[in-house]
Amino acid sequence: MQVGMKMIKRLNQYILSKIMGIRLRPTGAVFLGGFAGLSLTASVLPTVISILGVTDSFSARIDLAGLAVYAFISWAVGGWAAQRTASAHLGAVILGLVGLVSAAFFSVMTYGAESELLLLLCAAAGLAYGSFGGMLIAVALRETNGASAD
């Protein structure tokens, strides 16, 4: 009975070492960042746009839908970069800048550059949303051994 338990423990340790070798933290950061970008285009920006009275939030979601894939890609890269820093401040700066640039770009591509207030508030919303997300990703998914990801 004792030999069987040792064998099971060794098997469990082997399986766990293989799973942890997948680099789950950077992969998780990519997915969290990407889905945060989707959330920006599906929730945050439509709310800001509807508050300003440009259009209702449902129509804003439809207007921004074509940019969702670009939001996912850019925010996924930003989430990965924020995770690699392992610093709350740098993670906030990185994903905050991604949020600022992407939100400003999306608002200009969708509604034009005529409304400076819309551009400014969308960029500010993207900056705030990205800053908090970057802090969370950088701190929650940093490497536990003290070194950043390879």
N, C-alpha and C. Protein backbone atom coordinates (compact mmCIF):
# COMPACT_ATOMS: atom_id res chain seq x y z
N MET A 1 0.83 -1.20 0.00
CA MET A 1 0.00 0.00 0.00
C MET A 1 0.87 1.26 0.00
N GLN A 2 1.96 1.23 0.77
CA GLN A 2 2.86 2.38 0.88
C GLN A 2 3.57 2.66 -0.44
N VAL A 3 3.96 1.60 -1.15
CA VAL A 3 4.64 1.76 -2.44
C VAL A 3 3.69 2.39 -3.47
N GLY A 4 2.45 1.98 -3.44
CA GLY A 4 1.46 2.53 -4.36
C GLY A 4 1.23 4.02 -4.13
N MET A 5 1.21 4.45 -2.88
CA MET A 5 1.02 5.87 -2.57
C MET A 5 2.21 6.70 -3.03
N LYS A 6 3.44 6.18 -2.86
CA LYS A 6 4.63 6.90 -3.33
C LYS A 6 4.61 7.05 -4.84
N MET A 7 4.18 6.00 -5.51
CA MET A 7 4.13 6.04 -6.96
C MET A 7 3.09 7.08 -7.42
N ILE A 8 1.96 7.15 -6.76
CA ILE A 8 0.92 8.12 -7.10
C ILE A 8 1.42 9.54 -6.84
N LYS A 9 2.12 9.75 -5.73
CA LYS A 9 2.66 11.07 -5.42
C LYS A 9 3.68 11.50 -6.47
N ARG A 10 4.56 10.57 -6.90
CA ARG A 10 5.54 10.91 -7.94
C ARG A 10 4.85 11.22 -9.26
N LEU A 11 3.82 10.46 -9.58
CA LEU A 11 3.06 10.72 -10.80
C LEU A 11 2.39 12.10 -10.75
N ASN A 12 1.80 12.42 -9.60
CA ASN A 12 1.16 13.73 -9.44
C ASN A 12 2.18 14.87 -9.56
N GLN A 13 3.36 14.70 -8.98
CA GLN A 13 4.39 15.73 -9.08
C GLN A 13 4.85 15.90 -10.53
N TYR A 14 4.97 14.80 -11.25
CA TYR A 14 5.37 14.86 -12.65
C TYR A 14 4.32 15.59 -13.48
N ILE A 15 3.06 15.26 -13.29
CA ILE A 15 1.98 15.90 -14.03
C ILE A 15 1.93 17.38 -13.71
N LEU A 16 2.06 17.74 -12.44
CA LEU A 16 2.03 19.14 -12.04
C LEU A 16 3.20 19.91 -12.64
N SER A 17 4.39 19.31 -12.68
CA SER A 17 5.54 20.00 -13.27
C SER A 17 5.34 20.23 -14.76
N LYS A 18 4.71 19.29 -15.45
CA LYS A 18 4.43 19.48 -16.88
C LYS A 18 3.38 20.56 -17.11
N ILE A 19 2.36 20.61 -16.27
CA ILE A 19 1.33 21.64 -16.40
C ILE A 19 1.92 23.02 -16.13
N MET A 20 2.73 23.13 -15.09
CA MET A 20 3.32 24.43 -14.77
C MET A 20 4.35 24.86 -15.81
N GLY A 21 4.87 23.93 -16.57
CA GLY A 21 5.81 24.26 -17.64
C GLY A 21 5.14 24.91 -18.83
N ILE A 22 3.84 24.93 -18.87
CA ILE A 22 3.10 25.51 -19.99
C ILE A 22 3.19 27.04 -19.96
N ARG A 23 3.57 27.59 -18.88
CA ARG A 23 3.64 29.05 -18.71
C ARG A 23 2.24 29.63 -18.66
N LEU A 24 1.50 29.21 -17.67
CA LEU A 24 0.11 29.61 -17.54
C LEU A 24 -0.05 31.10 -17.25
N ARG A 25 0.86 31.69 -16.54
CA ARG A 25 0.71 33.10 -16.18
C ARG A 25 0.76 34.03 -17.40
N PRO A 26 1.75 33.91 -18.27
CA PRO A 26 1.73 34.77 -19.47
C PRO A 26 0.54 34.48 -20.38
N THR A 27 0.15 33.23 -20.48
CA THR A 27 -1.01 32.88 -21.29
C THR A 27 -2.27 33.49 -20.70
N GLY A 28 -2.41 33.42 -19.39
CA GLY A 28 -3.56 34.04 -18.72
C GLY A 28 -3.57 35.54 -18.91
N ALA A 29 -2.39 36.16 -18.87
CA ALA A 29 -2.32 37.62 -19.06
C ALA A 29 -2.76 38.01 -20.48
N VAL A 30 -2.39 37.19 -21.46
CA VAL A 30 -2.80 37.47 -22.84
C VAL A 30 -4.32 37.40 -22.95
N PHE A 31 -4.92 36.36 -22.38
CA PHE A 31 -6.37 36.24 -22.46
C PHE A 31 -7.09 37.31 -21.65
N LEU A 32 -6.61 37.60 -20.45
CA LEU A 32 -7.24 38.66 -19.66
C LEU A 32 -7.14 40.02 -20.35
N GLY A 33 -5.97 40.32 -20.90
CA GLY A 33 -5.82 41.57 -21.62
C GLY A 33 -6.71 41.64 -22.85
N GLY A 34 -6.77 40.56 -23.60
CA GLY A 34 -7.61 40.54 -24.79
C GLY A 34 -9.08 40.72 -24.47
N PHE A 35 -9.55 40.02 -23.45
CA PHE A 35 -10.96 40.15 -23.10
C PHE A 35 -11.25 41.50 -22.45
N ALA A 36 -10.27 42.12 -21.84
CA ALA A 36 -10.46 43.49 -21.35
C ALA A 36 -10.63 44.45 -22.53
N GLY A 37 -9.91 44.20 -23.62
CA GLY A 37 -10.08 45.00 -24.82
C GLY A 37 -11.47 44.83 -25.41
N LEU A 38 -11.98 43.61 -25.40
CA LEU A 38 -13.36 43.39 -25.85
C LEU A 38 -14.33 44.12 -24.95
N SER A 39 -14.08 44.10 -23.66
CA SER A 39 -14.94 44.80 -22.72
C SER A 39 -14.91 46.31 -22.96
N LEU A 40 -13.76 46.82 -23.35
CA LEU A 40 -13.66 48.24 -23.66
C LEU A 40 -14.60 48.61 -24.80
N THR A 41 -14.60 47.80 -25.87
CA THR A 41 -15.43 48.14 -27.02
C THR A 41 -16.90 47.77 -26.82
N ALA A 42 -17.19 46.82 -25.95
CA ALA A 42 -18.57 46.38 -25.78
C ALA A 42 -19.29 47.03 -24.60
N SER A 43 -18.53 47.61 -23.68
CA SER A 43 -19.18 48.14 -22.48
C SER A 43 -18.72 49.56 -22.12
N VAL A 44 -17.42 49.75 -21.98
CA VAL A 44 -16.91 51.02 -21.47
C VAL A 44 -17.15 52.16 -22.46
N LEU A 45 -16.66 52.01 -23.68
CA LEU A 45 -16.83 53.08 -24.67
C LEU A 45 -18.30 53.34 -25.03
N PRO A 46 -19.13 52.31 -25.22
CA PRO A 46 -20.54 52.62 -25.47
C PRO A 46 -21.22 53.38 -24.33
N THR A 47 -20.82 53.11 -23.11
CA THR A 47 -21.37 53.85 -21.97
C THR A 47 -20.97 55.32 -22.04
N VAL A 48 -19.70 55.59 -22.30
CA VAL A 48 -19.22 56.97 -22.41
C VAL A 48 -19.91 57.68 -23.57
N ILE A 49 -20.03 57.00 -24.68
CA ILE A 49 -20.66 57.60 -25.86
C ILE A 49 -22.13 57.91 -25.60
N SER A 50 -22.81 57.01 -24.91
CA SER A 50 -24.23 57.26 -24.63
C SER A 50 -24.42 58.35 -23.59
N ILE A 51 -23.51 58.47 -22.63
CA ILE A 51 -23.60 59.54 -21.63
C ILE A 51 -23.44 60.91 -22.29
N LEU A 52 -22.58 60.98 -23.31
CA LEU A 52 -22.38 62.24 -24.02
C LEU A 52 -23.53 62.55 -24.98
N GLY A 53 -24.41 61.61 -25.20
CA GLY A 53 -25.57 61.84 -26.04
C GLY A 53 -25.31 61.72 -27.54
N VAL A 54 -24.20 61.13 -27.91
CA VAL A 54 -23.90 60.95 -29.33
C VAL A 54 -24.89 59.96 -29.94
N THR A 55 -25.10 58.86 -29.27
CA THR A 55 -26.06 57.84 -29.68
C THR A 55 -26.35 56.97 -28.45
N ASP A 56 -27.30 56.08 -28.58
CA ASP A 56 -27.58 55.19 -27.44
C ASP A 56 -26.50 54.11 -27.37
N SER A 57 -26.42 53.44 -26.22
CA SER A 57 -25.33 52.49 -26.01
C SER A 57 -25.43 51.27 -26.93
N PHE A 58 -26.63 50.84 -27.27
CA PHE A 58 -26.77 49.70 -28.18
C PHE A 58 -26.22 50.04 -29.56
N SER A 59 -26.57 51.21 -30.07
CA SER A 59 -26.06 51.62 -31.38
C SER A 59 -24.55 51.83 -31.35
N ALA A 60 -24.04 52.31 -30.24
CA ALA A 60 -22.59 52.48 -30.10
C ALA A 60 -21.89 51.13 -30.13
N ARG A 61 -22.49 50.12 -29.51
CA ARG A 61 -21.92 48.77 -29.56
C ARG A 61 -21.87 48.26 -31.00
N ILE A 62 -22.93 48.49 -31.74
CA ILE A 62 -22.96 48.09 -33.15
C ILE A 62 -21.90 48.84 -33.94
N ASP A 63 -21.76 50.14 -33.67
CA ASP A 63 -20.78 50.95 -34.38
C ASP A 63 -19.34 50.49 -34.10
N LEU A 64 -19.07 50.06 -32.87
CA LEU A 64 -17.72 49.66 -32.47
C LEU A 64 -17.42 48.19 -32.73
N ALA A 65 -18.42 47.41 -33.15
CA ALA A 65 -18.26 45.96 -33.27
C ALA A 65 -17.15 45.57 -34.24
N GLY A 66 -16.97 46.30 -35.30
CA GLY A 66 -15.93 45.97 -36.27
C GLY A 66 -14.52 46.17 -35.76
N LEU A 67 -14.38 46.89 -34.67
CA LEU A 67 -13.04 47.15 -34.10
C LEU A 67 -12.70 46.20 -32.95
N ALA A 68 -13.59 45.28 -32.63
CA ALA A 68 -13.39 44.40 -31.47
C ALA A 68 -12.16 43.50 -31.64
N VAL A 69 -11.92 43.01 -32.84
CA VAL A 69 -10.77 42.13 -33.03
C VAL A 69 -9.46 42.90 -32.83
N TYR A 70 -9.43 44.16 -33.25
CA TYR A 70 -8.24 44.98 -33.04
C TYR A 70 -8.04 45.30 -31.56
N ALA A 71 -9.15 45.49 -30.86
CA ALA A 71 -9.07 45.71 -29.41
C ALA A 71 -8.51 44.47 -28.73
N PHE A 72 -9.00 43.31 -29.12
CA PHE A 72 -8.52 42.07 -28.50
C PHE A 72 -7.02 41.90 -28.72
N ILE A 73 -6.57 42.11 -29.94
CA ILE A 73 -5.15 41.90 -30.26
C ILE A 73 -4.27 42.90 -29.52
N SER A 74 -4.61 44.18 -29.58
CA SER A 74 -3.75 45.19 -28.94
C SER A 74 -3.74 45.04 -27.43
N TRP A 75 -4.90 44.76 -26.83
CA TRP A 75 -4.94 44.61 -25.38
C TRP A 75 -4.31 43.29 -24.94
N ALA A 76 -4.33 42.27 -25.78
CA ALA A 76 -3.66 41.01 -25.44
C ALA A 76 -2.15 41.23 -25.35
N VAL A 77 -1.60 41.97 -26.30
CA VAL A 77 -0.18 42.29 -26.25
C VAL A 77 0.13 43.16 -25.04
N GLY A 78 -0.74 44.12 -24.76
CA GLY A 78 -0.55 44.96 -23.57
C GLY A 78 -0.64 44.17 -22.28
N GLY A 79 -1.55 43.22 -22.20
CA GLY A 79 -1.66 42.37 -21.01
C GLY A 79 -0.43 41.52 -20.82
N TRP A 80 0.11 40.99 -21.91
CA TRP A 80 1.33 40.20 -21.83
C TRP A 80 2.50 41.07 -21.35
N ALA A 81 2.61 42.28 -21.90
CA ALA A 81 3.70 43.19 -21.51
C ALA A 81 3.55 43.62 -20.05
N ALA A 82 2.33 43.87 -19.61
CA ALA A 82 2.11 44.26 -18.21
C ALA A 82 2.48 43.12 -17.27
N GLN A 83 2.17 41.89 -17.64
CA GLN A 83 2.51 40.74 -16.80
C GLN A 83 4.02 40.58 -16.70
N ARG A 84 4.73 40.83 -17.77
CA ARG A 84 6.18 40.66 -17.76
C ARG A 84 6.87 41.66 -16.85
N THR A 85 6.26 42.82 -16.61
CA THR A 85 6.90 43.82 -15.77
C THR A 85 6.91 43.40 -14.31
N ALA A 86 5.86 42.70 -13.86
CA ALA A 86 5.69 42.27 -12.47
C ALA A 86 5.69 43.46 -11.51
N SER A 87 5.31 44.62 -12.00
CA SER A 87 5.26 45.84 -11.20
C SER A 87 3.90 46.50 -11.43
N ALA A 88 3.25 46.85 -10.34
CA ALA A 88 1.93 47.48 -10.45
C ALA A 88 2.02 48.80 -11.21
N HIS A 89 3.05 49.58 -10.95
CA HIS A 89 3.18 50.88 -11.61
C HIS A 89 3.44 50.74 -13.11
N LEU A 90 4.38 49.88 -13.46
CA LEU A 90 4.68 49.71 -14.89
C LEU A 90 3.54 49.03 -15.63
N GLY A 91 2.89 48.08 -14.98
CA GLY A 91 1.73 47.44 -15.60
C GLY A 91 0.62 48.44 -15.86
N ALA A 92 0.41 49.35 -14.91
CA ALA A 92 -0.61 50.39 -15.10
C ALA A 92 -0.24 51.33 -16.23
N VAL A 93 1.02 51.68 -16.33
CA VAL A 93 1.46 52.57 -17.40
C VAL A 93 1.30 51.90 -18.76
N ILE A 94 1.72 50.65 -18.86
CA ILE A 94 1.68 49.96 -20.15
C ILE A 94 0.24 49.78 -20.63
N LEU A 95 -0.60 49.16 -19.82
CA LEU A 95 -1.97 48.90 -20.27
C LEU A 95 -2.79 50.20 -20.29
N GLY A 96 -2.42 51.16 -19.47
CA GLY A 96 -3.09 52.46 -19.52
C GLY A 96 -2.83 53.17 -20.84
N LEU A 97 -1.59 53.11 -21.32
CA LEU A 97 -1.28 53.71 -22.63
C LEU A 97 -1.97 52.97 -23.76
N VAL A 98 -2.04 51.64 -23.65
CA VAL A 98 -2.77 50.86 -24.66
C VAL A 98 -4.24 51.29 -24.66
N GLY A 99 -4.81 51.46 -23.48
CA GLY A 99 -6.20 51.89 -23.37
C GLY A 99 -6.42 53.29 -23.92
N LEU A 100 -5.54 54.21 -23.60
CA LEU A 100 -5.65 55.58 -24.09
C LEU A 100 -5.60 55.62 -25.61
N VAL A 101 -4.60 54.99 -26.19
CA VAL A 101 -4.42 55.02 -27.64
C VAL A 101 -5.57 54.30 -28.35
N SER A 102 -5.92 53.11 -27.87
CA SER A 102 -6.96 52.35 -28.56
C SER A 102 -8.33 53.03 -28.44
N ALA A 103 -8.66 53.55 -27.29
CA ALA A 103 -9.96 54.22 -27.13
C ALA A 103 -10.03 55.48 -27.98
N ALA A 104 -8.96 56.25 -28.01
CA ALA A 104 -8.94 57.45 -28.86
C ALA A 104 -9.04 57.06 -30.33
N PHE A 105 -8.31 56.06 -30.74
CA PHE A 105 -8.33 55.60 -32.12
C PHE A 105 -9.72 55.09 -32.51
N PHE A 106 -10.33 54.30 -31.63
CA PHE A 106 -11.65 53.75 -31.93
C PHE A 106 -12.71 54.84 -32.03
N SER A 107 -12.63 55.83 -31.15
CA SER A 107 -13.64 56.91 -31.21
C SER A 107 -13.47 57.75 -32.47
N VAL A 108 -12.24 58.00 -32.88
CA VAL A 108 -12.00 58.76 -34.10
C VAL A 108 -12.42 57.96 -35.32
N MET A 109 -12.12 56.67 -35.35
CA MET A 109 -12.48 55.84 -36.49
C MET A 109 -13.99 55.68 -36.62
N THR A 110 -14.69 55.71 -35.49
CA THR A 110 -16.13 55.48 -35.52
C THR A 110 -16.93 56.76 -35.71
N TYR A 111 -16.57 57.81 -34.98
CA TYR A 111 -17.38 59.03 -34.97
C TYR A 111 -16.64 60.25 -35.51
N GLY A 112 -15.43 60.12 -35.98
CA GLY A 112 -14.69 61.24 -36.54
C GLY A 112 -14.02 62.06 -35.46
N ALA A 113 -13.19 62.97 -35.89
CA ALA A 113 -12.42 63.79 -34.96
C ALA A 113 -13.08 65.14 -34.68
N GLU A 114 -14.32 65.34 -35.13
CA GLU A 114 -14.97 66.64 -34.96
C GLU A 114 -15.30 66.93 -33.50
N SER A 115 -15.66 65.92 -32.76
CA SER A 115 -16.04 66.11 -31.35
C SER A 115 -14.83 65.86 -30.46
N GLU A 116 -14.18 66.96 -30.05
CA GLU A 116 -13.01 66.83 -29.19
C GLU A 116 -13.38 66.30 -27.81
N LEU A 117 -14.58 66.64 -27.32
CA LEU A 117 -15.01 66.16 -26.01
C LEU A 117 -15.18 64.65 -26.03
N LEU A 118 -15.76 64.11 -27.09
CA LEU A 118 -15.91 62.67 -27.21
C LEU A 118 -14.55 61.98 -27.25
N LEU A 119 -13.65 62.53 -28.03
CA LEU A 119 -12.29 61.97 -28.12
C LEU A 119 -11.60 62.00 -26.77
N LEU A 120 -11.69 63.13 -26.07
CA LEU A 120 -11.04 63.29 -24.78
C LEU A 120 -11.60 62.33 -23.73
N LEU A 121 -12.93 62.24 -23.65
CA LEU A 121 -13.54 61.38 -22.63
C LEU A 121 -13.36 59.89 -22.94
N CYS A 122 -13.40 59.51 -24.21
CA CYS A 122 -13.13 58.12 -24.55
C CYS A 122 -11.68 57.75 -24.24
N ALA A 123 -10.76 58.65 -24.55
CA ALA A 123 -9.35 58.40 -24.24
C ALA A 123 -9.14 58.32 -22.73
N ALA A 124 -9.80 59.19 -21.98
CA ALA A 124 -9.67 59.15 -20.51
C ALA A 124 -10.25 57.86 -19.94
N ALA A 125 -11.38 57.42 -20.49
CA ALA A 125 -11.97 56.17 -20.03
C ALA A 125 -11.06 54.99 -20.34
N GLY A 126 -10.46 54.98 -21.54
CA GLY A 126 -9.53 53.92 -21.89
C GLY A 126 -8.29 53.93 -21.01
N LEU A 127 -7.80 55.13 -20.68
CA LEU A 127 -6.64 55.25 -19.79
C LEU A 127 -6.96 54.72 -18.40
N ALA A 128 -8.09 55.12 -17.85
CA ALA A 128 -8.45 54.65 -16.50
C ALA A 128 -8.68 53.15 -16.48
N TYR A 129 -9.42 52.64 -17.46
CA TYR A 129 -9.73 51.22 -17.52
C TYR A 129 -8.45 50.39 -17.70
N GLY A 130 -7.58 50.84 -18.58
CA GLY A 130 -6.32 50.13 -18.81
C GLY A 130 -5.38 50.19 -17.62
N SER A 131 -5.37 51.32 -16.92
CA SER A 131 -4.48 51.46 -15.76
C SER A 131 -4.85 50.47 -14.66
N PHE A 132 -6.13 50.39 -14.35
CA PHE A 132 -6.54 49.43 -13.33
C PHE A 132 -6.31 48.00 -13.78
N GLY A 133 -6.62 47.71 -15.03
CA GLY A 133 -6.39 46.36 -15.55
C GLY A 133 -4.92 45.99 -15.56
N GLY A 134 -4.07 46.93 -15.94
CA GLY A 134 -2.63 46.68 -15.95
C GLY A 134 -2.07 46.42 -14.56
N MET A 135 -2.56 47.17 -13.58
CA MET A 135 -2.12 46.92 -12.21
C MET A 135 -2.51 45.52 -11.76
N LEU A 136 -3.75 45.16 -12.02
CA LEU A 136 -4.24 43.84 -11.60
C LEU A 136 -3.49 42.71 -12.29
N ILE A 137 -3.29 42.81 -13.59
CA ILE A 137 -2.60 41.76 -14.31
C ILE A 137 -1.15 41.65 -13.86
N ALA A 138 -0.47 42.77 -13.70
CA ALA A 138 0.95 42.75 -13.32
C ALA A 138 1.15 42.15 -11.94
N VAL A 139 0.27 42.48 -11.00
CA VAL A 139 0.45 42.00 -9.63
C VAL A 139 -0.07 40.57 -9.47
N ALA A 140 -1.23 40.29 -10.02
CA ALA A 140 -1.83 38.98 -9.81
C ALA A 140 -1.12 37.87 -10.58
N LEU A 141 -0.54 38.18 -11.71
CA LEU A 141 0.05 37.14 -12.55
C LEU A 141 1.57 37.19 -12.61
N ARG A 142 2.21 37.93 -11.72
CA ARG A 142 3.67 37.95 -11.75
C ARG A 142 4.22 36.58 -11.38
N GLU A 143 5.42 36.33 -11.85
CA GLU A 143 6.06 35.05 -11.60
C GLU A 143 6.38 34.93 -10.11
N THR A 144 6.13 33.77 -9.55
CA THR A 144 6.30 33.57 -8.10
C THR A 144 7.75 33.39 -7.70
N ASN A 145 8.62 33.01 -8.64
CA ASN A 145 10.01 32.79 -8.28
C ASN A 145 10.83 34.07 -8.26
N GLY A 146 10.17 35.21 -8.47
CA GLY A 146 10.86 36.50 -8.41
C GLY A 146 11.38 36.98 -9.75
N ALA A 147 11.47 36.09 -10.71
CA ALA A 147 11.95 36.48 -12.04
C ALA A 147 10.77 36.70 -12.96
N SER A 148 10.97 37.57 -13.91
CA SER A 148 9.90 37.78 -14.89
C SER A 148 9.89 36.64 -15.89
N ALA A 149 8.86 36.59 -16.70
CA ALA A 149 8.68 35.49 -17.64
C ALA A 149 9.77 35.52 -18.70
N ASP A 150 10.09 34.35 -19.23
CA ASP A 150 11.12 34.24 -20.27
C ASP A 150 10.60 34.68 -21.60
